[in-house]
Amino acid sequence: MTARQPFLLYSLVVVAALYLFVTSPAAQSQVRGVYPVGMNATNAGVTPQSGITYSNLFVFFSRDEEKGRNGEVLATGQNSIMMDLNSFVWVSKKTISVLGDPVFSASATLPIANNSLTSAINGSLSGGGGFADSFYQPVILGWRTKRADIRAIYGFLAPTGRFSAGGNNNVGSGYWTSVLSSGQTIYLRDNRATAFSAFQMYEFHGAQEGTRIRPGQTLNLDYSLTQSFSLQANLRVQFGIVGYEQWQTTDKRGPTITPVEAAAHYGVNALGVGGNAILPDRKMSLGFKYFHEFHCTSTYQGYTLQISGAITF
């Protein structure tokens, strides 16, 4: 497998419909950050081939337990989200003659989302669908070496999805988010068949429109250990263990936030399996990942399924 093969999973997007706040009017608990954890678990450092790449990622989140500060179950119900993420990435043919000659690229992601939140006690609480918050990466620098691929990225979330304070059909988050991120793929053997990947993103959240609430900042970590095999001359498969972590790093702030609510930082831990099928001659790839969340605090806990596809023109 070479670093020039196209992959979907280099793309960063946001899950505006993930309900960063519980939508019950009496609750102010922050639920998650804006990044769909796990989507960069494999091939995190890989920059696609030069040209324009279109990628599509279908994401299904299902959470059925609300966890407290110590991981105890506070309530049961269903928080489900389906997203279709369309990413367009441009990669330059030339390297930049500074900072070790990285490849320059940029991307835009346009998501469609549908979500619902129900409670075992109160029934349906909220739901919405439509165009969600879009994500843009104007600066992506990629380095390619024999034993490693590395990317450094600046991006931002634009609140383009529907949002109204107190609404029960929101699709957007109602605030801007800036992110700094980096991905690394280390090849453990000279043939690059065995790879360890890690991806880190830090989210800087703005104030939410209409509420003046500023969510706590978030640190995300995706990772994987994979092995690839050649099945045919134009078909390689990659399979391995994947995982993600997510932590709220600062207090949530706002005029209606109590000290107890501000101090309730969420944490997420998940492990699973993932795989990719790569067709180098056709510049195409297909992939899947499944994650089981085994320990969460101050958020919902469940599982995540992701199905991806990409093509380079």
Protein backbone atom coordinates (compact mmCIF):
# COMPACT_ATOMS: atom_id res chain seq x y z
CA MET A 1 0.00 0.00 0.00
CA THR A 2 1.40 3.42 -0.94
CA ALA A 3 0.71 6.80 0.59
CA ARG A 4 -0.76 8.01 -2.71
CA GLN A 5 -3.74 5.70 -2.68
CA PRO A 6 -7.08 7.47 -2.12
CA PHE A 7 -8.88 7.13 1.18
CA LEU A 8 -12.03 8.67 2.53
CA LEU A 9 -10.84 8.90 6.07
CA TYR A 10 -8.44 11.82 5.69
CA SER A 11 -11.46 14.14 5.73
CA LEU A 12 -12.58 15.95 8.88
CA VAL A 13 -16.22 16.74 9.35
CA VAL A 14 -18.49 17.75 12.17
CA VAL A 15 -21.65 16.20 13.48
CA ALA A 16 -23.80 19.27 14.05
CA ALA A 17 -26.79 17.11 14.91
CA LEU A 18 -25.08 15.31 17.79
CA TYR A 19 -26.94 17.46 20.30
CA LEU A 20 -24.18 19.12 22.20
CA PHE A 21 -26.88 20.04 24.69
CA VAL A 22 -29.70 17.83 25.93
CA THR A 23 -32.77 19.36 24.35
CA SER A 24 -35.06 19.06 27.34
CA PRO A 25 -35.70 22.69 28.48
CA ALA A 26 -34.70 21.86 32.04
CA ALA A 27 -31.33 20.38 31.12
CA GLN A 28 -28.09 22.13 30.23
CA SER A 29 -25.74 19.15 30.08
CA GLN A 30 -23.15 19.27 27.32
CA VAL A 31 -23.21 15.91 25.55
CA ARG A 32 -20.32 15.74 23.04
CA GLY A 33 -17.92 17.76 20.94
CA VAL A 34 -18.60 18.47 17.27
CA TYR A 35 -16.19 15.94 15.72
CA PRO A 36 -17.64 12.52 14.73
CA VAL A 37 -15.19 10.47 16.74
CA GLY A 38 -13.48 7.57 14.98
CA MET A 39 -13.75 8.72 11.39
CA ASN A 40 -9.98 9.27 11.10
CA ALA A 41 -8.96 6.14 13.02
CA THR A 42 -7.28 4.49 10.00
CA ASN A 43 -4.74 6.06 7.61
CA ALA A 44 -4.86 9.27 9.66
CA GLY A 45 -1.67 10.70 8.18
CA VAL A 46 -2.30 9.80 4.55
CA THR A 47 -2.72 12.57 1.96
CA PRO A 48 -4.67 11.43 -1.14
CA GLN A 49 -3.40 11.65 -4.70
CA SER A 50 -3.13 15.01 -6.44
CA GLY A 51 -6.30 16.24 -8.07
CA ILE A 52 -9.86 16.37 -6.75
CA THR A 53 -11.25 13.62 -4.52
CA TYR A 54 -14.91 13.14 -3.65
CA SER A 55 -15.69 11.12 -0.56
CA ASN A 56 -18.92 10.03 1.06
CA LEU A 57 -19.27 8.90 4.65
CA PHE A 58 -22.45 7.46 6.15
CA VAL A 59 -22.45 7.64 9.95
CA PHE A 60 -24.96 6.05 12.32
CA PHE A 61 -24.74 6.90 16.03
CA SER A 62 -26.91 5.09 18.56
CA ARG A 63 -26.80 5.94 22.29
CA ASP A 64 -29.15 4.27 24.78
CA GLU A 65 -27.75 5.16 28.22
CA GLU A 66 -27.09 8.52 29.84
CA LYS A 67 -24.01 8.25 32.08
CA GLY A 68 -23.18 10.35 35.13
CA ARG A 69 -19.89 11.87 36.28
CA ASN A 70 -18.63 8.50 37.55
CA GLY A 71 -19.98 6.39 34.70
CA GLU A 72 -23.21 5.44 36.49
CA VAL A 73 -26.45 5.08 34.49
CA LEU A 74 -28.71 8.10 35.03
CA ALA A 75 -31.41 7.33 32.45
CA THR A 76 -32.19 5.17 29.46
CA GLY A 77 -33.66 6.13 26.11
CA GLN A 78 -32.50 6.53 22.54
CA ASN A 79 -30.31 9.19 20.91
CA SER A 80 -29.94 8.24 17.23
CA ILE A 81 -28.26 10.18 14.44
CA MET A 82 -27.83 9.38 10.77
CA MET A 83 -25.52 11.55 8.67
CA ASP A 84 -24.44 11.60 5.05
CA LEU A 85 -21.21 13.57 4.70
CA ASN A 86 -20.06 14.78 1.30
CA SER A 87 -16.43 15.93 1.13
CA PHE A 88 -14.56 17.57 -1.74
CA VAL A 89 -10.77 17.70 -1.45
CA TRP A 90 -8.25 19.40 -3.71
CA VAL A 91 -4.60 18.25 -3.52
CA SER A 92 -1.80 20.16 -5.21
CA LYS A 93 0.55 18.45 -7.68
CA LYS A 94 3.56 20.30 -6.26
CA THR A 95 5.11 20.47 -2.82
CA ILE A 96 5.77 23.67 -0.87
CA SER A 97 9.47 24.58 -0.61
CA VAL A 98 9.33 25.22 3.17
CA LEU A 99 8.89 23.13 6.32
CA GLY A 100 10.25 19.95 4.72
CA ASP A 101 8.40 20.19 1.37
CA PRO A 102 4.84 19.28 2.39
CA VAL A 103 1.99 18.75 -0.07
CA PHE A 104 -0.74 21.41 0.18
CA SER A 105 -4.44 20.54 0.07
CA ALA A 106 -7.82 21.96 1.13
CA SER A 107 -11.32 20.55 1.62
CA ALA A 108 -14.98 21.31 2.19
CA THR A 109 -17.55 18.98 3.78
CA LEU A 110 -21.31 19.39 3.32
CA PRO A 111 -23.41 17.14 5.62
CA ILE A 112 -27.05 16.05 5.62
CA ALA A 113 -28.32 14.85 9.00
CA ASN A 114 -31.35 13.27 10.64
CA ASN A 115 -31.54 12.84 14.40
CA SER A 116 -33.93 11.92 17.20
CA LEU A 117 -33.84 11.92 21.00
CA THR A 118 -36.29 9.88 23.09
CA SER A 119 -36.56 9.10 26.79
CA ALA A 120 -37.80 5.89 28.39
CA ILE A 121 -39.85 8.05 30.77
CA ASN A 122 -40.91 11.08 28.69
CA GLY A 123 -41.02 9.57 25.19
CA SER A 124 -39.94 11.64 22.18
CA LEU A 125 -38.07 14.82 23.16
CA SER A 126 -36.71 16.14 19.87
CA GLY A 127 -35.85 15.39 16.27
CA GLY A 128 -34.77 17.16 13.11
CA GLY A 129 -33.36 16.67 9.65
CA GLY A 130 -31.78 18.62 6.81
CA PHE A 131 -28.57 20.40 5.90
CA ALA A 132 -26.28 20.48 8.93
CA ASP A 133 -23.24 22.55 9.90
CA SER A 134 -20.56 22.56 7.19
CA PHE A 135 -16.83 22.11 7.75
CA TYR A 136 -13.93 23.71 5.88
CA GLN A 137 -10.20 23.01 5.95
CA PRO A 138 -8.40 25.80 4.08
CA VAL A 139 -4.95 24.58 5.13
CA ILE A 140 -3.84 20.93 5.07
CA LEU A 141 -0.10 20.18 4.94
CA GLY A 142 0.98 16.60 4.25
CA TRP A 143 4.41 15.00 4.52
CA ARG A 144 5.20 11.65 2.85
CA THR A 145 8.22 9.56 3.83
CA LYS A 146 9.17 5.91 3.45
CA ARG A 147 8.03 4.87 6.92
CA ALA A 148 5.51 7.60 7.87
CA ASP A 149 2.81 9.91 6.54
CA ILE A 150 1.89 13.02 8.54
CA ARG A 151 -0.72 15.77 8.18
CA ALA A 152 -1.19 19.11 9.98
CA ILE A 153 -4.56 20.85 9.58
CA TYR A 154 -6.46 24.02 10.39
CA GLY A 155 -10.23 23.96 9.95
CA PHE A 156 -13.45 25.59 11.10
CA LEU A 157 -17.12 24.71 11.54
CA ALA A 158 -19.67 27.14 10.10
CA PRO A 159 -23.13 27.08 11.76
CA THR A 160 -25.04 26.55 8.50
CA GLY A 161 -27.53 24.06 9.94
CA ARG A 162 -30.94 25.10 11.25
CA PHE A 163 -30.79 26.23 14.88
CA SER A 164 -33.04 28.17 17.24
CA ALA A 165 -32.52 28.48 20.98
CA GLY A 166 -34.93 26.14 22.75
CA GLY A 167 -36.03 24.51 19.50
CA ASN A 168 -36.73 20.76 19.33
CA ASN A 169 -35.91 20.26 15.63
CA ASN A 170 -32.39 21.71 15.44
CA VAL A 171 -29.92 20.30 12.96
CA GLY A 172 -27.07 22.75 13.63
CA SER A 173 -25.08 23.68 16.72
CA GLY A 174 -25.65 27.45 16.61
CA TYR A 175 -21.99 28.42 17.06
CA TRP A 176 -18.66 28.60 15.26
CA THR A 177 -15.83 26.17 16.07
CA SER A 178 -12.16 26.41 15.10
CA VAL A 179 -9.99 23.27 15.17
CA LEU A 180 -6.34 22.33 15.03
CA SER A 181 -5.59 18.72 14.16
CA SER A 182 -2.88 16.33 13.10
CA GLY A 183 -2.73 12.76 11.79
CA GLN A 184 0.15 10.31 11.76
CA THR A 185 0.47 6.92 10.07
CA ILE A 186 3.60 4.96 11.01
CA TYR A 187 4.53 1.89 8.94
CA LEU A 188 6.04 -0.80 11.13
CA ARG A 189 7.54 -2.77 8.23
CA ASP A 190 9.39 -1.75 5.05
CA ASN A 191 6.54 -3.03 2.85
CA ARG A 192 4.14 -0.62 4.67
CA ALA A 193 1.64 -3.45 5.22
CA THR A 194 1.46 -3.03 9.02
CA ALA A 195 0.47 0.45 10.13
CA PHE A 196 -0.24 2.32 13.34
CA SER A 197 -2.32 5.47 12.94
CA ALA A 198 -3.26 8.23 15.37
CA PHE A 199 -5.30 11.38 14.88
CA GLN A 200 -5.70 14.30 17.29
CA MET A 201 -8.12 17.23 17.09
CA TYR A 202 -8.65 20.12 19.51
CA GLU A 203 -11.93 22.07 19.29
CA PHE A 204 -12.23 25.76 20.23
CA HIS A 205 -15.95 26.52 20.56
CA GLY A 206 -17.61 29.91 20.22
CA ALA A 207 -20.72 31.19 21.99
CA GLN A 208 -24.06 29.72 20.95
CA GLU A 209 -26.50 32.05 19.22
CA GLY A 210 -29.47 32.98 21.39
CA THR A 211 -28.20 31.39 24.61
CA ARG A 212 -24.70 32.91 24.97
CA ILE A 213 -23.56 29.50 26.21
CA ARG A 214 -19.97 28.61 25.30
CA PRO A 215 -19.37 24.83 25.27
CA GLY A 216 -16.28 23.43 26.89
CA GLN A 217 -13.35 22.80 24.59
CA THR A 218 -12.78 19.23 23.40
CA LEU A 219 -9.79 16.97 22.73
CA ASN A 220 -10.34 14.03 20.36
CA LEU A 221 -8.11 11.03 19.73
CA ASP A 222 -8.63 8.32 17.06
CA TYR A 223 -6.25 5.38 16.59
CA SER A 224 -5.81 2.02 14.87
CA LEU A 225 -3.44 -0.87 14.25
CA THR A 226 -4.01 -2.43 10.83
CA GLN A 227 -2.62 -5.03 8.45
CA SER A 228 -3.07 -4.94 4.66
CA PHE A 229 -3.04 -7.79 2.15
CA SER A 230 -2.98 -8.05 -1.65
CA LEU A 231 -5.86 -10.20 -2.88
CA GLN A 232 -5.47 -9.36 -6.59
CA ALA A 233 -3.23 -7.17 -8.71
CA ASN A 234 -5.67 -4.27 -8.32
CA LEU A 235 -7.20 -5.05 -4.94
CA ARG A 236 -5.80 -4.60 -1.46
CA VAL A 237 -7.67 -5.02 1.80
CA GLN A 238 -6.84 -3.52 5.16
CA PHE A 239 -8.21 -4.75 8.47
CA GLY A 240 -7.52 -4.10 12.12
CA ILE A 241 -8.42 -2.77 15.56
CA VAL A 242 -9.77 0.78 15.83
CA GLY A 243 -10.63 3.04 18.74
CA TYR A 244 -11.45 6.57 19.84
CA GLU A 245 -11.35 8.78 22.90
CA GLN A 246 -12.94 12.18 23.57
CA TRP A 247 -12.53 14.51 26.54
CA GLN A 248 -14.03 17.84 27.51
CA THR A 249 -11.06 19.91 28.72
CA THR A 250 -12.63 23.18 29.97
CA ASP A 251 -15.83 24.16 31.76
CA LYS A 252 -18.96 25.10 29.87
CA ARG A 253 -19.84 28.75 30.46
CA GLY A 254 -22.94 30.88 30.12
CA PRO A 255 -25.56 32.94 31.99
CA THR A 256 -27.72 29.89 32.81
CA ILE A 257 -24.94 27.40 33.61
CA THR A 258 -24.60 26.40 37.27
CA PRO A 259 -21.24 25.48 38.83
CA VAL A 260 -22.29 21.81 38.96
CA GLU A 261 -23.20 21.82 35.25
CA ALA A 262 -19.98 23.61 34.33
CA ALA A 263 -17.85 21.07 36.16
CA ALA A 264 -19.49 18.01 34.53
CA HIS A 265 -16.88 17.25 31.87
CA TYR A 266 -17.74 14.41 29.45
CA GLY A 267 -15.40 11.57 28.53
CA VAL A 268 -15.77 8.83 25.90
CA ASN A 269 -13.87 5.56 25.33
CA ALA A 270 -14.50 3.10 22.49
CA LEU A 271 -12.92 0.11 20.72
CA GLY A 272 -13.92 -1.78 17.60
CA VAL A 273 -12.89 -3.15 14.22
CA GLY A 274 -12.49 -1.59 10.80
CA GLY A 275 -11.43 -2.38 7.27
CA ASN A 276 -10.81 -0.86 3.84
CA ALA A 277 -10.80 -2.21 0.29
CA ILE A 278 -8.49 -0.25 -2.02
CA LEU A 279 -8.46 -0.33 -5.83
CA PRO A 280 -5.34 1.69 -6.78
CA ASP A 281 -5.78 1.56 -10.56
CA ARG A 282 -9.33 2.90 -10.30
CA LYS A 283 -8.36 5.39 -7.57
CA MET A 284 -11.23 4.14 -5.41
CA SER A 285 -11.66 2.89 -1.87
CA LEU A 286 -14.45 1.49 0.32
CA GLY A 287 -14.40 1.11 4.07
CA PHE A 288 -16.28 0.42 7.30
CA LYS A 289 -15.72 0.86 11.03
CA TYR A 290 -17.70 -0.29 14.06
CA PHE A 291 -17.05 1.09 17.56
CA HIS A 292 -18.48 -0.05 20.90
CA GLU A 293 -18.32 2.56 23.66
CA PHE A 294 -17.31 0.72 26.82
CA HIS A 295 -16.90 3.60 29.29
CA CYS A 296 -18.40 7.10 29.17
CA THR A 297 -18.92 9.86 31.74
CA SER A 298 -21.37 12.79 31.65
CA THR A 299 -22.69 11.83 28.21
CA TYR A 300 -24.67 9.20 26.32
CA GLN A 301 -23.11 5.77 25.67
CA GLY A 302 -23.74 3.40 22.77
CA TYR A 303 -22.13 2.44 19.47
CA THR A 304 -21.06 3.95 16.14
CA LEU A 305 -21.16 2.50 12.61
CA GLN A 306 -19.38 4.21 9.69
CA ILE A 307 -19.43 3.24 5.99
CA SER A 308 -17.25 5.14 3.51
CA GLY A 309 -16.32 5.44 -0.13
CA ALA A 310 -13.99 7.70 -2.12
CA ILE A 311 -12.83 8.33 -5.68
CA THR A 312 -10.08 10.59 -7.06
CA PHE A 313 -10.46 12.33 -10.42
